[in-house]
């Protein structure tokens, strides 16, 4: 059987605080790693787009679209009647 003396030093508030702190540190560290990975991937995509544009220029392909253009025509709101 457990004695009451075994529970004297246990403070649930401290335990919860420690768990929260460790979880916060873990999440922040992983978010920074993820953010760095996204930045790296974005840089690689930009390099790939530039390489494709360079190859097209070497081949003499005309009318290449700008790298970040999402749509050829602007969207207009529907008119209400």
Protein backbone atom coordinates (compact mmCIF):
# COMPACT_ATOMS: atom_id res chain seq x y z
CA UNK A 1 0.00 0.00 0.00
CA UNK A 2 1.11 3.55 -0.75
CA UNK A 3 1.79 5.80 2.17
CA UNK A 4 0.71 9.41 2.24
CA UNK A 5 4.38 10.40 2.45
CA UNK A 6 4.91 9.25 -1.16
CA UNK A 7 2.51 11.93 -2.41
CA UNK A 8 3.87 14.80 -0.33
CA UNK A 9 6.34 16.03 -2.98
CA UNK A 10 3.99 15.60 -5.95
CA UNK A 11 2.47 18.85 -7.18
CA UNK A 12 0.11 18.39 -10.15
CA UNK A 13 0.49 22.05 -11.14
CA UNK A 14 4.26 21.66 -11.52
CA UNK A 15 3.80 18.43 -13.46
CA UNK A 16 1.31 20.05 -15.87
CA UNK A 17 3.58 23.09 -16.25
CA UNK A 18 6.57 20.89 -17.10
CA UNK A 19 4.56 18.88 -19.63
CA UNK A 20 3.28 22.09 -21.24
CA UNK A 21 6.76 23.58 -21.39
CA UNK A 22 8.25 20.46 -22.96
CA UNK A 23 5.40 20.24 -25.47
CA UNK A 24 5.81 23.91 -26.37
CA UNK A 25 9.56 23.50 -26.92
CA UNK A 26 8.99 20.39 -29.05
CA UNK A 27 6.37 22.11 -31.22
CA UNK A 28 8.45 25.27 -31.69
CA UNK A 29 11.54 23.29 -32.65
CA UNK A 30 9.62 21.22 -35.19
CA UNK A 31 7.83 24.25 -36.65
CA UNK A 32 11.18 25.96 -37.20
CA UNK A 33 12.50 22.85 -38.94
CA UNK A 34 9.35 22.67 -41.09
CA UNK A 35 9.53 26.37 -41.94
CA UNK A 36 13.16 25.97 -42.97
CA UNK A 37 12.22 23.01 -45.15
CA UNK A 38 9.50 25.05 -46.86
CA UNK A 39 11.94 27.89 -47.53
CA UNK A 40 14.43 25.41 -48.99
CA UNK A 41 11.75 23.83 -51.17
CA UNK A 42 10.59 27.26 -52.39
CA UNK A 43 14.15 28.10 -53.39
CA UNK A 44 14.47 24.87 -55.32
CA UNK A 45 11.19 25.52 -57.14
CA UNK A 46 12.42 29.00 -58.10
CA UNK A 47 15.67 27.51 -59.41
CA UNK A 48 13.73 24.93 -61.42
CA UNK A 49 11.48 27.61 -62.94
CA UNK A 50 14.55 29.64 -63.89
CA UNK A 51 16.21 26.60 -65.47
CA UNK A 52 13.08 25.88 -67.50
CA UNK A 53 12.91 29.49 -68.67
CA UNK A 54 16.61 29.40 -69.59
CA UNK A 55 16.10 26.20 -71.62
CA UNK A 56 13.11 27.71 -73.41
CA UNK A 57 15.14 30.80 -74.24
CA UNK A 58 17.97 28.64 -75.62
CA UNK A 59 15.49 26.72 -77.77
CA UNK A 60 13.91 29.95 -79.02
CA UNK A 61 10.48 29.18 -77.63
CA UNK A 62 8.41 32.36 -77.69
CA UNK A 63 5.51 33.39 -75.50
CA UNK A 64 6.54 31.70 -72.28
CA UNK A 65 4.24 32.72 -69.42
CA UNK A 66 5.63 34.59 -66.41
CA UNK A 67 6.75 32.29 -63.59
CA UNK A 68 4.11 33.12 -60.99
CA UNK A 69 1.10 33.95 -63.18
CA UNK A 70 -1.95 32.07 -61.90
CA UNK A 71 -4.60 32.98 -64.49
CA UNK A 72 -4.77 34.61 -67.91
CA UNK A 73 -8.08 36.40 -67.37
CA UNK A 74 -9.09 38.50 -64.37
CA UNK A 75 -12.10 37.26 -62.44
CA UNK A 76 -15.09 39.57 -62.28
CA UNK A 77 -17.81 39.39 -59.65
CA UNK A 78 -21.21 38.15 -60.83
CA UNK A 79 -23.76 40.90 -61.28
CA UNK A 80 -26.84 40.74 -59.09
CA UNK A 81 -30.28 41.29 -60.62
